[in-house]
Amino acid sequence: MAENYDYDATLKEMLDLVPPDIDKREGSVIYNTLSPAAYLVAQQNYMLAFMFDLLFADTAEDIWLDRVVNDFGVNREQATYSLRQINAFNEDNAPAAVPIGTRFAINGLTFKIRSIPQTIP
């Protein structure tokens, strides 16, 4: 696939096509000629792989995902804030007051206390 071709692999493949009686060492005329071309080919291969990923629903992003799923009559809903209930307890296992605006993180997710419910179920 296109994403497997990086600059070094592309340059090596191009230099392998040059006859063996021509100097292919770094700094030689053929090396200096093929090097920029290999860079551009590798760049194009990267972009092809990126564009290929945008064509399928499991790898598409942003507006491209909307366009892909629209072909199947599916409309993506806009993201919304999630709401979570946090029950805080002190050392005596009694409900503890947590000030509004307090932030904390669990497993890489950051939460912020925005309001306190009237009753704790």
Protein backbone atom coordinates (compact mmCIF):
# COMPACT_ATOMS: atom_id res chain seq x y z
CA MET A 1 0.00 0.00 0.00
CA ALA A 2 1.00 3.61 -0.44
CA GLU A 3 1.58 4.28 3.26
CA ASN A 4 4.40 1.69 3.32
CA TYR A 5 6.57 3.79 1.01
CA ASP A 6 8.65 6.36 2.82
CA TYR A 7 11.47 8.51 1.45
CA ASP A 8 14.29 6.03 2.12
CA ALA A 9 12.43 3.07 0.63
CA THR A 10 11.44 5.09 -2.43
CA LEU A 11 14.97 6.39 -2.98
CA LYS A 12 16.44 2.89 -2.59
CA GLU A 13 13.95 1.49 -5.10
CA MET A 14 14.80 4.25 -7.58
CA LEU A 15 18.56 3.75 -7.14
CA ASP A 16 18.14 -0.02 -7.60
CA LEU A 17 16.83 0.69 -11.12
CA VAL A 18 20.03 2.53 -12.05
CA PRO A 19 22.60 0.33 -13.88
CA PRO A 20 25.33 -1.01 -11.55
CA ASP A 21 28.18 0.64 -13.49
CA ILE A 22 26.94 4.13 -12.48
CA ASP A 23 28.07 5.68 -9.18
CA LYS A 24 25.06 5.70 -6.82
CA ARG A 25 26.76 6.87 -3.63
CA GLU A 26 25.43 9.84 -1.68
CA GLY A 27 26.65 13.01 -3.38
CA SER A 28 26.90 11.47 -6.83
CA VAL A 29 25.07 13.07 -9.75
CA ILE A 30 22.42 10.32 -9.99
CA TYR A 31 21.86 10.30 -6.22
CA ASN A 32 21.46 14.09 -6.13
CA THR A 33 19.11 13.89 -9.12
CA LEU A 34 16.87 11.14 -7.73
CA SER A 35 16.79 12.35 -4.13
CA PRO A 36 14.37 15.29 -4.64
CA ALA A 37 12.16 13.15 -6.89
CA ALA A 38 12.03 10.40 -4.25
CA TYR A 39 11.05 12.99 -1.65
CA LEU A 40 8.13 14.20 -3.78
CA VAL A 41 7.02 10.64 -4.60
CA ALA A 42 7.07 9.73 -0.89
CA GLN A 43 5.09 12.88 -0.10
CA GLN A 44 2.50 11.99 -2.74
CA ASN A 45 2.26 8.41 -1.44
CA TYR A 46 1.58 9.77 2.04
CA MET A 47 -1.18 12.02 0.72
CA LEU A 48 -2.73 9.17 -1.28
CA ALA A 49 -2.85 7.01 1.85
CA PHE A 50 -4.36 9.88 3.83
CA MET A 51 -7.01 10.49 1.17
CA PHE A 52 -7.73 6.76 0.98
CA ASP A 53 -8.47 6.75 4.72
CA LEU A 54 -11.01 9.55 4.24
CA LEU A 55 -13.11 7.40 1.90
CA PHE A 56 -14.31 4.87 4.49
CA ALA A 57 -16.58 5.42 7.48
CA ASP A 58 -14.31 3.61 9.96
CA THR A 59 -11.31 5.87 9.20
CA ALA A 60 -12.89 9.11 7.89
CA GLU A 61 -12.68 12.32 9.93
CA ASP A 62 -14.75 15.47 10.36
CA ILE A 63 -16.63 16.61 7.25
CA TRP A 64 -15.38 13.60 5.28
CA LEU A 65 -17.17 11.30 7.72
CA ASP A 66 -20.37 13.27 7.19
CA ARG A 67 -19.98 12.93 3.42
CA VAL A 68 -19.29 9.18 3.55
CA VAL A 69 -22.22 8.27 5.82
CA ASN A 70 -24.55 10.61 3.91
CA ASP A 71 -24.31 8.17 0.97
CA PHE A 72 -26.10 5.63 3.19
CA GLY A 73 -28.78 8.03 4.44
CA VAL A 74 -27.15 8.50 7.84
CA ASN A 75 -26.71 11.94 9.36
CA ARG A 76 -24.22 12.35 12.15
CA GLU A 77 -25.46 14.22 15.21
CA GLN A 78 -23.38 17.05 16.59
CA ALA A 79 -21.35 16.35 19.72
CA THR A 80 -22.76 17.45 23.05
CA TYR A 81 -21.38 17.77 26.53
CA SER A 82 -21.75 14.66 28.65
CA LEU A 83 -23.27 14.80 32.11
CA ARG A 84 -22.11 12.62 34.95
CA GLN A 85 -23.21 12.33 38.52
CA ILE A 86 -20.40 12.30 41.03
CA ASN A 87 -21.03 11.15 44.59
CA ALA A 88 -18.32 12.35 46.95
CA PHE A 89 -17.82 10.86 50.40
CA ASN A 90 -15.47 11.68 53.26
CA GLU A 91 -13.45 9.23 55.39
CA ASP A 92 -16.54 8.42 57.50
CA ASN A 93 -18.46 7.42 54.33
CA ALA A 94 -20.76 10.43 54.74
CA PRO A 95 -21.65 12.68 51.78
CA ALA A 96 -19.01 15.38 51.32
CA ALA A 97 -19.47 18.86 49.89
CA VAL A 98 -17.47 19.55 46.72
CA PRO A 99 -17.20 23.20 45.64
CA ILE A 100 -18.62 24.14 42.24
CA GLY A 101 -15.81 24.60 39.74
CA THR A 102 -13.67 21.80 41.19
CA ARG A 103 -11.82 19.85 38.50
CA PHE A 104 -10.52 16.30 38.73
CA ALA A 105 -9.33 13.60 36.36
CA ILE A 106 -9.98 9.86 36.18
CA ASN A 107 -8.41 7.58 33.55
CA GLY A 108 -7.33 10.49 31.37
CA LEU A 109 -10.72 12.23 31.41
CA THR A 110 -11.04 15.63 33.08
CA PHE A 111 -14.28 16.58 34.83
CA LYS A 112 -15.53 19.87 36.24
CA ILE A 113 -18.25 20.24 38.88
CA ARG A 114 -20.85 22.60 37.37
CA SER A 115 -23.81 22.13 39.66
CA ILE A 116 -24.85 20.13 42.66
CA PRO A 117 -28.13 18.14 42.46
CA GLN A 118 -30.84 18.77 45.03
CA THR A 119 -30.92 15.17 46.19
CA ILE A 120 -28.42 12.35 46.08
CA PRO A 121 -30.09 9.08 45.08
